[in-house]
Amino acid sequence: ENNAFGDLVQRHNRCDANECLCPE
């Protein structure tokens, strides 16, 4: 209820490289 564990179904969605080269 109330999406109590909603964060657990979130997929990691970012580049964690020291230097991200992506222009976007």
PDB file of all heavy atoms in Angstrom:
ATOM      1  N   GLU A   1       0.834  -1.187   0.000  1.00  0.00           N
ATOM      2  CA  GLU A   1       0.000   0.000   0.000  1.00  0.00           C
ATOM      3  C   GLU A   1       0.874   1.243   0.000  1.00  0.00           C
ATOM      4  O   GLU A   1       1.973   1.255   0.546  1.00  0.00           O
ATOM      5  CB  GLU A   1      -0.922   0.006   1.225  1.00  0.00           C
ATOM      6  CG  GLU A   1      -1.977  -1.082   1.163  1.00  0.00           C
ATOM      7  CD  GLU A   1      -2.781  -1.206   2.447  1.00  0.00           C
ATOM      8  OE1 GLU A   1      -2.505  -0.471   3.411  1.00  0.00           O
ATOM      9  OE2 GLU A   1      -3.680  -2.056   2.479  1.00  0.00           O
ATOM     10  N   ASN A   2       0.406   2.297  -0.602  1.00  0.00           N
ATOM     11  CA  ASN A   2       1.099   3.576  -0.674  1.00  0.00           C
ATOM     12  C   ASN A   2       2.470   3.465  -1.332  1.00  0.00           C
ATOM     13  O   ASN A   2       3.366   4.240  -1.034  1.00  0.00           O
ATOM     14  CB  ASN A   2       1.238   4.204   0.720  1.00  0.00           C
ATOM     15  CG  ASN A   2      -0.111   4.433   1.365  1.00  0.00           C
ATOM     16  OD1 ASN A   2      -1.061   4.805   0.686  1.00  0.00           O
ATOM     17  ND2 ASN A   2      -0.200   4.192   2.655  1.00  0.00           N
ATOM     18  N   ASN A   3       2.652   2.449  -2.188  1.00  0.00           N
ATOM     19  CA  ASN A   3       3.908   2.264  -2.915  1.00  0.00           C
ATOM     20  C   ASN A   3       5.109   2.253  -1.972  1.00  0.00           C
ATOM     21  O   ASN A   3       6.152   2.849  -2.244  1.00  0.00           O
ATOM     22  CB  ASN A   3       4.059   3.349  -3.991  1.00  0.00           C
ATOM     23  CG  ASN A   3       5.033   2.955  -5.058  1.00  0.00           C
ATOM     24  OD1 ASN A   3       5.295   1.772  -5.259  1.00  0.00           O
ATOM     25  ND2 ASN A   3       5.580   3.934  -5.743  1.00  0.00           N
ATOM     26  N   ALA A   4       4.969   1.586  -0.835  1.00  0.00           N
ATOM     27  CA  ALA A   4       5.994   1.582   0.200  1.00  0.00           C
ATOM     28  C   ALA A   4       7.343   1.069  -0.291  1.00  0.00           C
ATOM     29  O   ALA A   4       8.377   1.495   0.199  1.00  0.00           O
ATOM     30  CB  ALA A   4       5.524   0.747   1.395  1.00  0.00           C
ATOM     31  N   PHE A   5       7.355   0.163  -1.252  1.00  0.00           N
ATOM     32  CA  PHE A   5       8.611  -0.399  -1.745  1.00  0.00           C
ATOM     33  C   PHE A   5       8.862  -0.009  -3.196  1.00  0.00           C
ATOM     34  O   PHE A   5       9.587  -0.683  -3.906  1.00  0.00           O
ATOM     35  CB  PHE A   5       8.598  -1.924  -1.587  1.00  0.00           C
ATOM     36  CG  PHE A   5       8.593  -2.352  -0.156  1.00  0.00           C
ATOM     37  CD1 PHE A   5       7.408  -2.648   0.496  1.00  0.00           C
ATOM     38  CD2 PHE A   5       9.775  -2.429   0.552  1.00  0.00           C
ATOM     39  CE1 PHE A   5       7.406  -3.029   1.825  1.00  0.00           C
ATOM     40  CE2 PHE A   5       9.778  -2.806   1.878  1.00  0.00           C
ATOM     41  CZ  PHE A   5       8.601  -3.103   2.513  1.00  0.00           C
ATOM     42  N   GLY A   6       8.284   1.096  -3.623  1.00  0.00           N
ATOM     43  CA  GLY A   6       8.435   1.551  -4.997  1.00  0.00           C
ATOM     44  C   GLY A   6       9.876   1.757  -5.414  1.00  0.00           C
ATOM     45  O   GLY A   6      10.251   1.510  -6.549  1.00  0.00           O
ATOM     46  N   ASP A   7      10.712   2.226  -4.493  1.00  0.00           N
ATOM     47  CA  ASP A   7      12.122   2.460  -4.823  1.00  0.00           C
ATOM     48  C   ASP A   7      12.854   1.175  -5.170  1.00  0.00           C
ATOM     49  O   ASP A   7      13.861   1.208  -5.873  1.00  0.00           O
ATOM     50  CB  ASP A   7      12.846   3.145  -3.661  1.00  0.00           C
ATOM     51  CG  ASP A   7      12.347   4.560  -3.431  1.00  0.00           C
ATOM     52  OD1 ASP A   7      11.710   5.115  -4.346  1.00  0.00           O
ATOM     53  OD2 ASP A   7      12.605   5.106  -2.345  1.00  0.00           O
ATOM     54  N   LEU A   8      12.378   0.041  -4.675  1.00  0.00           N
ATOM     55  CA  LEU A   8      13.068  -1.217  -4.920  1.00  0.00           C
ATOM     56  C   LEU A   8      12.916  -1.706  -6.356  1.00  0.00           C
ATOM     57  O   LEU A   8      13.681  -2.548  -6.798  1.00  0.00           O
ATOM     58  CB  LEU A   8      12.569  -2.292  -3.951  1.00  0.00           C
ATOM     59  CG  LEU A   8      12.887  -2.036  -2.480  1.00  0.00           C
ATOM     60  CD1 LEU A   8      12.308  -3.159  -1.639  1.00  0.00           C
ATOM     61  CD2 LEU A   8      14.372  -1.909  -2.247  1.00  0.00           C
ATOM     62  N   VAL A   9      11.934  -1.199  -7.066  1.00  0.00           N
ATOM     63  CA  VAL A   9      11.742  -1.632  -8.445  1.00  0.00           C
ATOM     64  C   VAL A   9      12.320  -0.632  -9.440  1.00  0.00           C
ATOM     65  O   VAL A   9      12.161  -0.786 -10.640  1.00  0.00           O
ATOM     66  CB  VAL A   9      10.252  -1.912  -8.759  1.00  0.00           C
ATOM     67  CG1 VAL A   9       9.744  -3.072  -7.945  1.00  0.00           C
ATOM     68  CG2 VAL A   9       9.408  -0.680  -8.543  1.00  0.00           C
ATOM     69  N   GLN A  10      12.993   0.408  -8.951  1.00  0.00           N
ATOM     70  CA  GLN A  10      13.637   1.379  -9.820  1.00  0.00           C
ATOM     71  C   GLN A  10      14.931   0.802 -10.365  1.00  0.00           C
ATOM     72  O   GLN A  10      15.739   0.259  -9.619  1.00  0.00           O
ATOM     73  CB  GLN A  10      13.943   2.674  -9.041  1.00  0.00           C
ATOM     74  CG  GLN A  10      12.717   3.418  -8.569  1.00  0.00           C
ATOM     75  CD  GLN A  10      11.966   4.031  -9.728  1.00  0.00           C
ATOM     76  OE1 GLN A  10      12.554   4.458 -10.706  1.00  0.00           O
ATOM     77  NE2 GLN A  10      10.647   4.064  -9.621  1.00  0.00           N
ATOM     78  N   ARG A  11      15.137   0.904 -11.651  1.00  0.00           N
ATOM     79  CA  ARG A  11      16.359   0.441 -12.302  1.00  0.00           C
ATOM     80  C   ARG A  11      17.368   1.587 -12.304  1.00  0.00           C
ATOM     81  O   ARG A  11      17.007   2.737 -12.522  1.00  0.00           O
ATOM     82  CB  ARG A  11      16.027   0.021 -13.728  1.00  0.00           C
ATOM     83  CG  ARG A  11      17.169  -0.556 -14.493  1.00  0.00           C
ATOM     84  CD  ARG A  11      16.673  -0.989 -15.885  1.00  0.00           C
ATOM     85  NE  ARG A  11      17.698  -1.698 -16.595  1.00  0.00           N
ATOM     86  CZ  ARG A  11      18.535  -1.126 -17.454  1.00  0.00           C
ATOM     87  NH1 ARG A  11      18.451   0.155 -17.708  1.00  0.00           N
ATOM     88  NH2 ARG A  11      19.445  -1.848 -18.076  1.00  0.00           N
ATOM     89  N   HIS A  12      18.634   1.272 -12.051  1.00  0.00           N
ATOM     90  CA  HIS A  12      19.684   2.289 -12.101  1.00  0.00           C
ATOM     91  C   HIS A  12      19.679   2.884 -13.501  1.00  0.00           C
ATOM     92  O   HIS A  12      19.614   2.154 -14.491  1.00  0.00           O
ATOM     93  CB  HIS A  12      21.041   1.655 -11.765  1.00  0.00           C
ATOM     94  CG  HIS A  12      22.116   2.660 -11.564  1.00  0.00           C
ATOM     95  ND1 HIS A  12      22.257   3.372 -10.403  1.00  0.00           N
ATOM     96  CD2 HIS A  12      23.103   3.097 -12.398  1.00  0.00           C
ATOM     97  CE1 HIS A  12      23.279   4.190 -10.507  1.00  0.00           C
ATOM     98  NE2 HIS A  12      23.824   4.044 -11.713  1.00  0.00           N
ATOM     99  N   ASN A  13      19.765   4.208 -13.624  1.00  0.00           N
ATOM    100  CA  ASN A  13      19.583   4.813 -14.938  1.00  0.00           C
ATOM    101  C   ASN A  13      20.559   5.946 -15.239  1.00  0.00           C
ATOM    102  O   ASN A  13      20.201   6.913 -15.889  1.00  0.00           O
ATOM    103  CB  ASN A  13      18.144   5.316 -15.083  1.00  0.00           C
ATOM    104  CG  ASN A  13      17.829   6.427 -14.095  1.00  0.00           C
ATOM    105  OD1 ASN A  13      18.610   6.711 -13.191  1.00  0.00           O
ATOM    106  ND2 ASN A  13      16.679   7.046 -14.260  1.00  0.00           N
ATOM    107  N   ARG A  14      21.795   5.817 -14.759  1.00  0.00           N
ATOM    108  CA  ARG A  14      22.750   6.880 -15.054  1.00  0.00           C
ATOM    109  C   ARG A  14      24.151   6.322 -15.213  1.00  0.00           C
ATOM    110  O   ARG A  14      24.474   5.253 -14.699  1.00  0.00           O
ATOM    111  CB  ARG A  14      22.712   7.955 -13.982  1.00  0.00           C
ATOM    112  CG  ARG A  14      23.134   7.518 -12.607  1.00  0.00           C
ATOM    113  CD  ARG A  14      22.925   8.609 -11.552  1.00  0.00           C
ATOM    114  NE  ARG A  14      23.348   9.920 -11.961  1.00  0.00           N
ATOM    115  CZ  ARG A  14      24.511  10.479 -11.629  1.00  0.00           C
ATOM    116  NH1 ARG A  14      25.345   9.829 -10.864  1.00  0.00           N
ATOM    117  NH2 ARG A  14      24.835  11.678 -12.042  1.00  0.00           N
ATOM    118  N   CYS A  15      24.973   7.087 -15.903  1.00  0.00           N
ATOM    119  CA  CYS A  15      26.371   6.720 -16.107  1.00  0.00           C
ATOM    120  C   CYS A  15      27.162   7.168 -14.887  1.00  0.00           C
ATOM    121  O   CYS A  15      27.097   8.333 -14.477  1.00  0.00           O
ATOM    122  CB  CYS A  15      26.905   7.402 -17.363  1.00  0.00           C
ATOM    123  SG  CYS A  15      28.661   7.093 -17.654  1.00  0.00           S
ATOM    124  N   ASP A  16      27.902   6.244 -14.298  1.00  0.00           N
ATOM    125  CA  ASP A  16      28.682   6.553 -13.102  1.00  0.00           C
ATOM    126  C   ASP A  16      30.178   6.654 -13.391  1.00  0.00           C
ATOM    127  O   ASP A  16      30.994   6.645 -12.471  1.00  0.00           O
ATOM    128  CB  ASP A  16      28.435   5.481 -12.029  1.00  0.00           C
ATOM    129  CG  ASP A  16      26.989   5.477 -11.568  1.00  0.00           C
ATOM    130  OD1 ASP A  16      26.519   6.532 -11.108  1.00  0.00           O
ATOM    131  OD2 ASP A  16      26.331   4.427 -11.687  1.00  0.00           O
ATOM    132  N   ALA A  17      30.549   6.755 -14.673  1.00  0.00           N
ATOM    133  CA  ALA A  17      31.961   6.887 -15.028  1.00  0.00           C
ATOM    134  C   ALA A  17      32.515   8.168 -14.405  1.00  0.00           C
ATOM    135  O   ALA A  17      31.791   9.157 -14.233  1.00  0.00           O
ATOM    136  CB  ALA A  17      32.117   6.920 -16.548  1.00  0.00           C
ATOM    137  N   ASN A  18      33.805   8.141 -14.059  1.00  0.00           N
ATOM    138  CA  ASN A  18      34.423   9.360 -13.495  1.00  0.00           C
ATOM    139  C   ASN A  18      34.193  10.557 -14.401  1.00  0.00           C
ATOM    140  O   ASN A  18      33.890  11.649 -13.933  1.00  0.00           O
ATOM    141  CB  ASN A  18      35.924   9.148 -13.271  1.00  0.00           C
ATOM    142  CG  ASN A  18      36.187   8.212 -12.107  1.00  0.00           C
ATOM    143  OD1 ASN A  18      35.350   8.041 -11.237  1.00  0.00           O
ATOM    144  ND2 ASN A  18      37.356   7.600 -12.121  1.00  0.00           N
ATOM    145  N   GLU A  19      34.349  10.343 -15.700  1.00  0.00           N
ATOM    146  CA  GLU A  19      34.094  11.405 -16.660  1.00  0.00           C
ATOM    147  C   GLU A  19      33.105  10.880 -17.689  1.00  0.00           C
ATOM    148  O   GLU A  19      33.440  10.034 -18.516  1.00  0.00           O
ATOM    149  CB  GLU A  19      35.386  11.833 -17.347  1.00  0.00           C
ATOM    150  CG  GLU A  19      35.186  12.974 -18.308  1.00  0.00           C
ATOM    151  CD  GLU A  19      36.469  13.376 -19.025  1.00  0.00           C
ATOM    152  OE1 GLU A  19      37.552  12.933 -18.622  1.00  0.00           O
ATOM    153  OE2 GLU A  19      36.361  14.125 -20.002  1.00  0.00           O
ATOM    154  N   CYS A  20      31.876  11.357 -17.631  1.00  0.00           N
ATOM    155  CA  CYS A  20      30.857  10.950 -18.604  1.00  0.00           C
ATOM    156  C   CYS A  20      31.065  11.772 -19.879  1.00  0.00           C
ATOM    157  O   CYS A  20      31.110  13.010 -19.832  1.00  0.00           O
ATOM    158  CB  CYS A  20      29.454  11.178 -18.037  1.00  0.00           C
ATOM    159  SG  CYS A  20      28.152  10.719 -19.196  1.00  0.00           S
ATOM    160  N   LEU A  21      31.189  11.091 -20.996  1.00  0.00           N
ATOM    161  CA  LEU A  21      31.459  11.727 -22.280  1.00  0.00           C
ATOM    162  C   LEU A  21      30.197  12.033 -23.081  1.00  0.00           C
ATOM    163  O   LEU A  21      30.269  12.672 -24.137  1.00  0.00           O
ATOM    164  CB  LEU A  21      32.385  10.833 -23.111  1.00  0.00           C
ATOM    165  CG  LEU A  21      33.712  10.435 -22.447  1.00  0.00           C
ATOM    166  CD1 LEU A  21      34.437   9.403 -23.294  1.00  0.00           C
ATOM    167  CD2 LEU A  21      34.561  11.660 -22.199  1.00  0.00           C
ATOM    168  N   CYS A  22      29.054  11.586 -22.615  1.00  0.00           N
ATOM    169  CA  CYS A  22      27.802  11.743 -23.357  1.00  0.00           C
ATOM    170  C   CYS A  22      27.411  13.220 -23.426  1.00  0.00           C
ATOM    171  O   CYS A  22      27.267  13.875 -22.382  1.00  0.00           O
ATOM    172  CB  CYS A  22      26.684  10.936 -22.715  1.00  0.00           C
ATOM    173  SG  CYS A  22      25.133  11.008 -23.619  1.00  0.00           S
ATOM    174  N   PRO A  23      27.217  13.762 -24.641  1.00  0.00           N
ATOM    175  CA  PRO A  23      26.849  15.181 -24.761  1.00  0.00           C
ATOM    176  C   PRO A  23      25.470  15.494 -24.161  1.00  0.00           C
ATOM    177  O   PRO A  23      25.212  16.626 -23.763  1.00  0.00           O
ATOM    178  CB  PRO A  23      26.868  15.441 -26.273  1.00  0.00           C
ATOM    179  CG  PRO A  23      26.885  14.112 -26.929  1.00  0.00           C
ATOM    180  CD  PRO A  23      27.377  13.121 -25.931  1.00  0.00           C
ATOM    181  N   GLU A  24      24.599  14.480 -24.047  1.00  0.00           N
ATOM    182  CA  GLU A  24      23.265  14.700 -23.486  1.00  0.00           C
ATOM    183  C   GLU A  24      23.234  14.542 -21.967  1.00  0.00           C
ATOM    184  O   GLU A  24      22.203  14.773 -21.339  1.00  0.00           O
ATOM    185  CB  GLU A  24      22.265  13.730 -24.121  1.00  0.00           C
ATOM    186  CG  GLU A  24      22.158  13.837 -25.624  1.00  0.00           C
ATOM    187  CD  GLU A  24      21.626  15.199 -26.060  1.00  0.00           C
ATOM    188  OE1 GLU A  24      20.716  15.726 -25.411  1.00  0.00           O
ATOM    189  OE2 GLU A  24      22.138  15.721 -27.071  1.00  0.00           O
TER     190      GLU A  24
END
